[in-house]
Amino acid sequence: MLFLGIDPGYAIMGYGVVEKKQRGFFAREYGTITTPASTPIEIRLEKIHRDLKTCIKNLRPDIIAVEELFFYKNLKTAIDVGQARGVIILTAQLSHIPLMEFTPLQVKQALTGYGRADKQQMQRMVTSLLKLKKIPQPDDAADALAIALCAAQTWRSKI
């Protein structure tokens, strides 16, 4: 079963596909979708939609998981990321793929058992669970893999 995890963003959106097999979890692919800061928001959101649609078509995930907005100090950033989340949710719906949403706390608890795990702890756990040789880069892709792992570990209880 394939889980596509998405770390939402409008400048950099991380994605990661985790395959769940009897022998454990494996990273199939990970990366980022980026949009130039100089581009109007509506063009950036369209690019996110197009690139995510292509990603879904090529990777064919069974489940899409996205991180919920939790807390942003900058209101404009929160609004822009919220708009990107809306595009992600709509793209999942138009692709007829079930969507799961998780808070950062839920992702941290699922992977480390500790809701206040720091970024380094999370990256080490992602690397270990996926049997990778090095920490996935950039951070947005590592975060997306963590979200996909969270979905893979909890999907039976959520659906």
N, C-alpha and C. Protein backbone atom coordinates (compact mmCIF):
# COMPACT_ATOMS: atom_id res chain seq x y z
N MET A 1 0.85 -1.18 0.00
CA MET A 1 0.00 0.00 0.00
C MET A 1 0.89 1.24 0.00
N LEU A 2 0.51 2.25 -0.79
CA LEU A 2 1.32 3.46 -0.92
C LEU A 2 0.65 4.65 -0.24
N PHE A 3 1.44 5.36 0.55
CA PHE A 3 0.98 6.54 1.28
C PHE A 3 1.77 7.75 0.81
N LEU A 4 1.07 8.77 0.32
CA LEU A 4 1.70 10.02 -0.09
C LEU A 4 1.53 11.03 1.03
N GLY A 5 2.63 11.39 1.67
CA GLY A 5 2.61 12.40 2.72
C GLY A 5 2.96 13.75 2.13
N ILE A 6 2.26 14.79 2.60
CA ILE A 6 2.49 16.13 2.09
C ILE A 6 2.69 17.10 3.25
N ASP A 7 3.81 17.82 3.19
CA ASP A 7 4.09 18.91 4.12
C ASP A 7 3.69 20.19 3.39
N PRO A 8 2.53 20.78 3.74
CA PRO A 8 2.01 21.88 2.94
C PRO A 8 2.86 23.14 3.02
N GLY A 9 2.91 23.84 1.91
CA GLY A 9 3.60 25.11 1.83
C GLY A 9 3.33 25.71 0.48
N TYR A 10 3.50 27.00 0.35
CA TYR A 10 3.28 27.62 -0.95
C TYR A 10 4.60 27.99 -1.62
N ALA A 11 5.67 28.13 -0.85
CA ALA A 11 7.00 28.36 -1.42
C ALA A 11 7.67 27.01 -1.68
N ILE A 12 7.63 26.15 -0.66
CA ILE A 12 8.19 24.79 -0.76
C ILE A 12 7.18 23.83 -0.15
N MET A 13 6.72 22.88 -0.94
CA MET A 13 5.81 21.85 -0.46
C MET A 13 6.54 20.52 -0.55
N GLY A 14 6.71 19.86 0.59
CA GLY A 14 7.38 18.57 0.60
C GLY A 14 6.41 17.45 0.30
N TYR A 15 6.90 16.42 -0.39
CA TYR A 15 6.10 15.22 -0.60
C TYR A 15 6.99 14.00 -0.41
N GLY A 16 6.38 12.93 0.04
CA GLY A 16 7.11 11.68 0.22
C GLY A 16 6.16 10.51 0.12
N VAL A 17 6.57 9.48 -0.59
CA VAL A 17 5.75 8.28 -0.74
C VAL A 17 6.39 7.14 0.02
N VAL A 18 5.60 6.56 0.91
CA VAL A 18 6.04 5.43 1.72
C VAL A 18 5.21 4.21 1.33
N GLU A 19 5.90 3.11 1.11
CA GLU A 19 5.22 1.85 0.83
C GLU A 19 5.24 1.01 2.09
N LYS A 20 4.05 0.50 2.43
CA LYS A 20 3.93 -0.38 3.59
C LYS A 20 3.86 -1.81 3.09
N LYS A 21 4.83 -2.62 3.54
CA LYS A 21 4.88 -4.04 3.19
C LYS A 21 4.94 -4.84 4.48
N GLN A 22 4.86 -6.16 4.36
CA GLN A 22 4.94 -7.01 5.55
C GLN A 22 6.26 -6.83 6.28
N ARG A 23 7.33 -6.55 5.53
CA ARG A 23 8.66 -6.42 6.14
C ARG A 23 8.93 -5.02 6.68
N GLY A 24 7.96 -4.13 6.58
CA GLY A 24 8.17 -2.78 7.10
C GLY A 24 7.82 -1.70 6.11
N PHE A 25 8.45 -0.56 6.28
CA PHE A 25 8.17 0.62 5.47
C PHE A 25 9.36 0.93 4.58
N PHE A 26 9.07 1.42 3.37
CA PHE A 26 10.11 1.76 2.42
C PHE A 26 9.78 3.07 1.72
N ALA A 27 10.77 3.93 1.56
CA ALA A 27 10.58 5.19 0.83
C ALA A 27 10.62 4.89 -0.66
N ARG A 28 9.57 5.22 -1.37
CA ARG A 28 9.54 5.05 -2.83
C ARG A 28 10.10 6.26 -3.53
N GLU A 29 9.72 7.46 -3.05
CA GLU A 29 10.20 8.70 -3.66
C GLU A 29 9.90 9.85 -2.71
N TYR A 30 10.73 10.87 -2.77
CA TYR A 30 10.45 12.08 -2.01
C TYR A 30 11.10 13.27 -2.69
N GLY A 31 10.57 14.44 -2.38
CA GLY A 31 11.09 15.66 -2.99
C GLY A 31 10.26 16.86 -2.61
N THR A 32 10.35 17.89 -3.42
CA THR A 32 9.60 19.12 -3.15
C THR A 32 8.99 19.67 -4.44
N ILE A 33 7.94 20.42 -4.24
CA ILE A 33 7.35 21.24 -5.29
C ILE A 33 7.59 22.67 -4.85
N THR A 34 8.23 23.46 -5.69
CA THR A 34 8.57 24.84 -5.31
C THR A 34 7.90 25.83 -6.25
N THR A 35 7.65 27.02 -5.69
CA THR A 35 7.10 28.12 -6.49
C THR A 35 7.92 29.37 -6.21
N PRO A 36 8.22 30.16 -7.24
CA PRO A 36 9.03 31.36 -7.05
C PRO A 36 8.29 32.43 -6.24
N ALA A 37 9.00 33.08 -5.34
CA ALA A 37 8.41 34.11 -4.49
C ALA A 37 7.89 35.29 -5.30
N SER A 38 8.46 35.54 -6.44
CA SER A 38 8.07 36.69 -7.26
C SER A 38 6.77 36.46 -8.04
N THR A 39 6.25 35.25 -7.99
CA THR A 39 5.05 34.89 -8.75
C THR A 39 3.79 35.19 -7.93
N PRO A 40 2.72 35.69 -8.55
CA PRO A 40 1.47 35.93 -7.83
C PRO A 40 0.93 34.64 -7.21
N ILE A 41 0.25 34.77 -6.08
CA ILE A 41 -0.22 33.61 -5.32
C ILE A 41 -1.10 32.70 -6.16
N GLU A 42 -1.97 33.25 -7.00
CA GLU A 42 -2.86 32.40 -7.80
C GLU A 42 -2.08 31.53 -8.78
N ILE A 43 -0.98 32.03 -9.31
CA ILE A 43 -0.12 31.24 -10.21
C ILE A 43 0.62 30.17 -9.40
N ARG A 44 1.04 30.54 -8.20
CA ARG A 44 1.74 29.57 -7.34
C ARG A 44 0.81 28.42 -6.97
N LEU A 45 -0.44 28.75 -6.62
CA LEU A 45 -1.40 27.71 -6.25
C LEU A 45 -1.73 26.81 -7.44
N GLU A 46 -1.82 27.39 -8.63
CA GLU A 46 -2.06 26.59 -9.83
C GLU A 46 -0.89 25.64 -10.08
N LYS A 47 0.33 26.11 -9.89
CA LYS A 47 1.51 25.26 -10.08
C LYS A 47 1.51 24.11 -9.07
N ILE A 48 1.16 24.41 -7.82
CA ILE A 48 1.07 23.35 -6.81
C ILE A 48 0.07 22.29 -7.26
N HIS A 49 -1.09 22.74 -7.74
CA HIS A 49 -2.12 21.80 -8.20
C HIS A 49 -1.61 20.94 -9.36
N ARG A 50 -1.04 21.60 -10.38
CA ARG A 50 -0.56 20.86 -11.55
C ARG A 50 0.54 19.86 -11.19
N ASP A 51 1.51 20.33 -10.40
CA ASP A 51 2.63 19.44 -10.04
C ASP A 51 2.18 18.30 -9.13
N LEU A 52 1.27 18.59 -8.20
CA LEU A 52 0.77 17.53 -7.32
C LEU A 52 -0.06 16.53 -8.12
N LYS A 53 -0.86 17.01 -9.05
CA LYS A 53 -1.65 16.13 -9.91
C LYS A 53 -0.73 15.18 -10.69
N THR A 54 0.36 15.71 -11.23
CA THR A 54 1.34 14.90 -11.95
C THR A 54 1.98 13.87 -11.01
N CYS A 55 2.32 14.32 -9.82
CA CYS A 55 2.92 13.44 -8.81
C CYS A 55 1.97 12.28 -8.49
N ILE A 56 0.70 12.60 -8.29
CA ILE A 56 -0.30 11.57 -7.98
C ILE A 56 -0.45 10.61 -9.16
N LYS A 57 -0.49 11.14 -10.36
CA LYS A 57 -0.63 10.30 -11.56
C LYS A 57 0.55 9.34 -11.70
N ASN A 58 1.76 9.83 -11.45
CA ASN A 58 2.96 9.01 -11.61
C ASN A 58 3.17 8.02 -10.47
N LEU A 59 2.86 8.43 -9.25
CA LEU A 59 3.16 7.59 -8.08
C LEU A 59 1.99 6.70 -7.66
N ARG A 60 0.77 7.06 -8.03
CA ARG A 60 -0.43 6.27 -7.77
C ARG A 60 -0.60 5.85 -6.31
N PRO A 61 -0.64 6.81 -5.38
CA PRO A 61 -0.81 6.46 -3.97
C PRO A 61 -2.22 5.96 -3.68
N ASP A 62 -2.33 5.13 -2.64
CA ASP A 62 -3.64 4.66 -2.18
C ASP A 62 -4.27 5.64 -1.20
N ILE A 63 -3.43 6.34 -0.45
CA ILE A 63 -3.86 7.29 0.58
C ILE A 63 -2.99 8.53 0.46
N ILE A 64 -3.61 9.70 0.67
CA ILE A 64 -2.86 10.95 0.76
C ILE A 64 -3.01 11.46 2.18
N ALA A 65 -1.90 11.85 2.78
CA ALA A 65 -1.91 12.40 4.14
C ALA A 65 -1.28 13.78 4.12
N VAL A 66 -1.91 14.71 4.81
CA VAL A 66 -1.42 16.09 4.85
C VAL A 66 -1.40 16.57 6.29
N GLU A 67 -0.43 17.41 6.57
CA GLU A 67 -0.33 17.98 7.92
C GLU A 67 -1.32 19.13 8.06
N GLU A 68 -2.00 19.18 9.20
CA GLU A 68 -2.91 20.27 9.49
C GLU A 68 -2.13 21.51 9.90
N LEU A 69 -2.74 22.66 9.69
CA LEU A 69 -2.15 23.89 10.21
C LEU A 69 -2.25 23.85 11.72
N PHE A 70 -1.19 24.21 12.38
CA PHE A 70 -1.21 24.16 13.84
C PHE A 70 -1.02 25.54 14.44
N PHE A 71 0.08 26.20 14.12
CA PHE A 71 0.36 27.49 14.71
C PHE A 71 1.35 28.25 13.84
N TYR A 72 1.00 29.45 13.52
CA TYR A 72 1.91 30.33 12.79
C TYR A 72 1.92 31.69 13.45
N LYS A 73 3.11 32.23 13.65
CA LYS A 73 3.24 33.57 14.23
C LYS A 73 2.82 34.64 13.23
N ASN A 74 3.06 34.38 11.94
CA ASN A 74 2.78 35.34 10.89
C ASN A 74 1.43 34.99 10.25
N LEU A 75 0.45 35.89 10.39
CA LEU A 75 -0.89 35.63 9.88
C LEU A 75 -0.90 35.44 8.36
N LYS A 76 -0.14 36.24 7.63
CA LYS A 76 -0.10 36.11 6.17
C LYS A 76 0.43 34.74 5.76
N THR A 77 1.46 34.27 6.45
CA THR A 77 2.00 32.94 6.15
C THR A 77 0.94 31.88 6.41
N ALA A 78 0.22 32.00 7.53
CA ALA A 78 -0.83 31.03 7.85
C ALA A 78 -1.91 31.00 6.78
N ILE A 79 -2.30 32.17 6.30
CA ILE A 79 -3.32 32.24 5.26
C ILE A 79 -2.81 31.61 3.97
N ASP A 80 -1.60 31.94 3.57
CA ASP A 80 -1.04 31.39 2.33
C ASP A 80 -0.87 29.87 2.41
N VAL A 81 -0.39 29.37 3.54
CA VAL A 81 -0.25 27.92 3.71
C VAL A 81 -1.63 27.27 3.74
N GLY A 82 -2.60 27.94 4.35
CA GLY A 82 -3.98 27.44 4.35
C GLY A 82 -4.54 27.33 2.94
N GLN A 83 -4.22 28.30 2.10
CA GLN A 83 -4.65 28.23 0.70
C GLN A 83 -3.98 27.06 -0.01
N ALA A 84 -2.71 26.84 0.25
CA ALA A 84 -2.01 25.70 -0.35
C ALA A 84 -2.63 24.39 0.13
N ARG A 85 -2.99 24.32 1.40
CA ARG A 85 -3.66 23.11 1.92
C ARG A 85 -4.97 22.88 1.19
N GLY A 86 -5.71 23.96 0.94
CA GLY A 86 -6.97 23.84 0.20
C GLY A 86 -6.76 23.24 -1.18
N VAL A 87 -5.71 23.67 -1.86
CA VAL A 87 -5.37 23.12 -3.18
C VAL A 87 -5.02 21.64 -3.05
N ILE A 88 -4.26 21.29 -2.03
CA ILE A 88 -3.87 19.89 -1.80
C ILE A 88 -5.11 19.03 -1.57
N ILE A 89 -6.00 19.50 -0.70
CA ILE A 89 -7.22 18.75 -0.38
C ILE A 89 -8.10 18.59 -1.62
N LEU A 90 -8.26 19.66 -2.38
CA LEU A 90 -9.06 19.60 -3.61
C LEU A 90 -8.43 18.65 -4.63
N THR A 91 -7.13 18.70 -4.78
CA THR A 91 -6.45 17.81 -5.73
C THR A 91 -6.64 16.35 -5.32
N ALA A 92 -6.56 16.06 -4.03
CA ALA A 92 -6.80 14.69 -3.55
C ALA A 92 -8.23 14.27 -3.86
N GLN A 93 -9.18 15.15 -3.61
CA GLN A 93 -10.59 14.85 -3.86
C GLN A 93 -10.84 14.61 -5.35
N LEU A 94 -10.30 15.47 -6.19
CA LEU A 94 -10.48 15.32 -7.64
C LEU A 94 -9.81 14.05 -8.17
N SER A 95 -8.82 13.55 -7.44
CA SER A 95 -8.12 12.32 -7.82
C SER A 95 -8.80 11.08 -7.24
N HIS A 96 -9.85 11.29 -6.44
CA HIS A 96 -10.61 10.20 -5.81
C HIS A 96 -9.73 9.33 -4.92
N ILE A 97 -8.84 9.99 -4.18
CA ILE A 97 -7.95 9.27 -3.26
C ILE A 97 -8.30 9.71 -1.84
N PRO A 98 -8.50 8.77 -0.93
CA PRO A 98 -8.82 9.13 0.45
C PRO A 98 -7.74 10.02 1.07
N LEU A 99 -8.18 10.96 1.89
CA LEU A 99 -7.29 11.92 2.53
C LEU A 99 -7.30 11.74 4.04
N MET A 100 -6.13 11.76 4.63
CA MET A 100 -5.99 11.74 6.08
C MET A 100 -5.28 13.02 6.49
N GLU A 101 -5.67 13.59 7.63
CA GLU A 101 -5.03 14.80 8.12
C GLU A 101 -4.51 14.56 9.53
N PHE A 102 -3.32 15.10 9.81
CA PHE A 102 -2.68 14.91 11.11
C PHE A 102 -2.11 16.23 11.60
N THR A 103 -2.17 16.43 12.90
CA THR A 103 -1.49 17.58 13.50
C THR A 103 -0.01 17.23 13.65
N PRO A 104 0.85 18.22 13.78
CA PRO A 104 2.26 17.92 14.03
C PRO A 104 2.45 17.04 15.28
N LEU A 105 1.65 17.27 16.30
CA LEU A 105 1.72 16.47 17.53
C LEU A 105 1.43 15.00 17.24
N GLN A 106 0.41 14.73 16.44
CA GLN A 106 0.07 13.35 16.09
C GLN A 106 1.20 12.67 15.32
N VAL A 107 1.82 13.40 14.41
CA VAL A 107 2.93 12.84 13.62
C VAL A 107 4.09 12.50 14.55
N LYS A 108 4.43 13.42 15.44
CA LYS A 108 5.55 13.20 16.37
C LYS A 108 5.27 12.02 17.29
N GLN A 109 4.04 11.93 17.81
CA GLN A 109 3.70 10.82 18.70
C GLN A 109 3.73 9.48 17.96
N ALA A 110 3.25 9.46 16.73
CA ALA A 110 3.23 8.21 15.96
C ALA A 110 4.64 7.70 15.67
N LEU A 111 5.57 8.60 15.43
CA LEU A 111 6.92 8.19 15.05
C LEU A 111 7.86 8.00 16.23
N THR A 112 7.75 8.86 17.24
CA THR A 112 8.70 8.81 18.35
C THR A 112 8.07 8.45 19.68
N GLY A 113 6.75 8.50 19.76
CA GLY A 113 6.08 8.27 21.03
C GLY A 113 6.11 9.49 21.93
N TYR A 114 6.64 10.60 21.42
CA TYR A 114 6.80 11.82 22.21
C TYR A 114 6.35 13.01 21.37
N GLY A 115 5.29 13.69 21.81
CA GLY A 115 4.71 14.78 21.05
C GLY A 115 5.54 16.03 20.94
N ARG A 116 6.62 16.11 21.71
CA ARG A 116 7.48 17.29 21.65
C ARG A 116 8.86 16.98 21.05
N ALA A 117 8.92 15.92 20.27
CA ALA A 117 10.19 15.55 19.63
C ALA A 117 10.67 16.70 18.75
N ASP A 118 11.98 16.92 18.75
CA ASP A 118 12.51 18.01 17.91
C ASP A 118 12.77 17.50 16.49
N LYS A 119 13.12 18.41 15.62
CA LYS A 119 13.31 18.10 14.20
C LYS A 119 14.36 17.01 13.99
N GLN A 120 15.47 17.08 14.74
CA GLN A 120 16.54 16.08 14.59
C GLN A 120 16.06 14.70 15.00
N GLN A 121 15.30 14.61 16.10
CA GLN A 121 14.77 13.32 16.53
C GLN A 121 13.84 12.74 15.46
N MET A 122 13.01 13.59 14.89
CA MET A 122 12.08 13.14 13.85
C MET A 122 12.84 12.66 12.61
N GLN A 123 13.85 13.41 12.21
CA GLN A 123 14.61 13.03 11.03
C GLN A 123 15.35 11.71 11.24
N ARG A 124 15.90 11.52 12.43
CA ARG A 124 16.57 10.24 12.73
C ARG A 124 15.58 9.08 12.69
N MET A 125 14.38 9.31 13.21
CA MET A 125 13.38 8.25 13.23
C MET A 125 12.91 7.92 11.81
N VAL A 126 12.70 8.93 10.98
CA VAL A 126 12.32 8.71 9.58
C VAL A 126 13.41 7.89 8.89
N THR A 127 14.66 8.28 9.09
CA THR A 127 15.79 7.58 8.47
C THR A 127 15.84 6.12 8.93
N SER A 128 15.63 5.90 10.21
CA SER A 128 15.66 4.55 10.77
C SER A 128 14.50 3.69 10.27
N LEU A 129 13.27 4.21 10.37
CA LEU A 129 12.09 3.44 9.98
C LEU A 129 12.09 3.09 8.50
N LEU A 130 12.65 3.98 7.68
CA LEU A 130 12.68 3.74 6.24
C LEU A 130 13.97 3.09 5.76
N LYS A 131 14.85 2.79 6.72
CA LYS A 131 16.12 2.12 6.42
C LYS A 131 16.93 2.89 5.37
N LEU A 132 16.98 4.21 5.54
CA LEU A 132 17.73 5.07 4.62
C LEU A 132 19.17 5.22 5.09
N LYS A 133 20.07 5.49 4.18
CA LYS A 133 21.48 5.66 4.54
C LYS A 133 21.77 7.04 5.12
N LYS A 134 20.95 8.03 4.73
CA LYS A 134 21.15 9.38 5.25
C LYS A 134 19.80 10.07 5.42
N ILE A 135 19.81 11.15 6.18
CA ILE A 135 18.60 11.92 6.44
C ILE A 135 18.10 12.52 5.13
N PRO A 136 16.82 12.34 4.82
CA PRO A 136 16.28 12.91 3.58
C PRO A 136 16.38 14.44 3.58
N GLN A 137 16.74 14.98 2.43
CA GLN A 137 16.84 16.42 2.26
C GLN A 137 15.98 16.83 1.07
N PRO A 138 15.42 18.02 1.09
CA PRO A 138 15.44 19.01 2.16
C PRO A 138 14.50 18.63 3.30
N ASP A 139 14.48 19.45 4.33
CA ASP A 139 13.66 19.19 5.52
C ASP A 139 12.19 18.97 5.17
N ASP A 140 11.69 19.70 4.18
CA ASP A 140 10.27 19.59 3.81
C ASP A 140 9.96 18.17 3.31
N ALA A 141 10.88 17.56 2.59
CA ALA A 141 10.69 16.19 2.11
C ALA A 141 10.74 15.21 3.28
N ALA A 142 11.67 15.43 4.22
CA ALA A 142 11.75 14.57 5.41
C ALA A 142 10.46 14.68 6.22
N ASP A 143 9.92 15.89 6.35
CA ASP A 143 8.66 16.08 7.07
C ASP A 143 7.52 15.35 6.36
N ALA A 144 7.51 15.40 5.03
CA ALA A 144 6.47 14.72 4.26
C ALA A 144 6.56 13.20 4.45
N LEU A 145 7.77 12.67 4.48
CA LEU A 145 7.94 11.23 4.75
C LEU A 145 7.43 10.87 6.14
N ALA A 146 7.65 11.75 7.11
CA ALA A 146 7.15 11.52 8.47
C ALA A 146 5.62 11.47 8.46
N ILE A 147 4.99 12.36 7.72
CA ILE A 147 3.53 12.39 7.62
C ILE A 147 3.03 11.11 6.95
N ALA A 148 3.71 10.66 5.90
CA ALA A 148 3.34 9.41 5.22
C ALA A 148 3.49 8.22 6.17
N LEU A 149 4.57 8.20 6.94
CA LEU A 149 4.76 7.12 7.92
C LEU A 149 3.66 7.12 8.97
N CYS A 150 3.28 8.30 9.44
CA CYS A 150 2.20 8.42 10.41
C CYS A 150 0.91 7.82 9.83
N ALA A 151 0.62 8.16 8.59
CA ALA A 151 -0.57 7.61 7.93
C ALA A 151 -0.48 6.09 7.80
N ALA A 152 0.69 5.60 7.40
CA ALA A 152 0.88 4.16 7.22
C ALA A 152 0.71 3.41 8.54
N GLN A 153 1.12 4.03 9.64
CA GLN A 153 1.01 3.37 10.94
C GLN A 153 -0.39 3.43 11.51
N THR A 154 -1.20 4.39 11.08
CA THR A 154 -2.51 4.59 11.70
C THR A 154 -3.69 4.39 10.76
N TRP A 155 -3.48 4.08 9.51
CA TRP A 155 -4.58 4.11 8.54
C TRP A 155 -5.71 3.15 8.85
N ARG A 156 -5.45 1.99 9.37
CA ARG A 156 -6.52 1.03 9.66
C ARG A 156 -7.48 1.56 10.71
N SER A 157 -6.96 2.29 11.68
CA SER A 157 -7.82 2.81 12.75
C SER A 157 -8.57 4.07 12.33
N LYS A 158 -8.14 4.71 11.23
CA LYS A 158 -8.78 5.96 10.80
C LYS A 158 -9.85 5.75 9.74
N ILE A 159 -9.73 4.67 8.98
CA ILE A 159 -10.66 4.48 7.85
C ILE A 159 -11.76 3.51 8.24
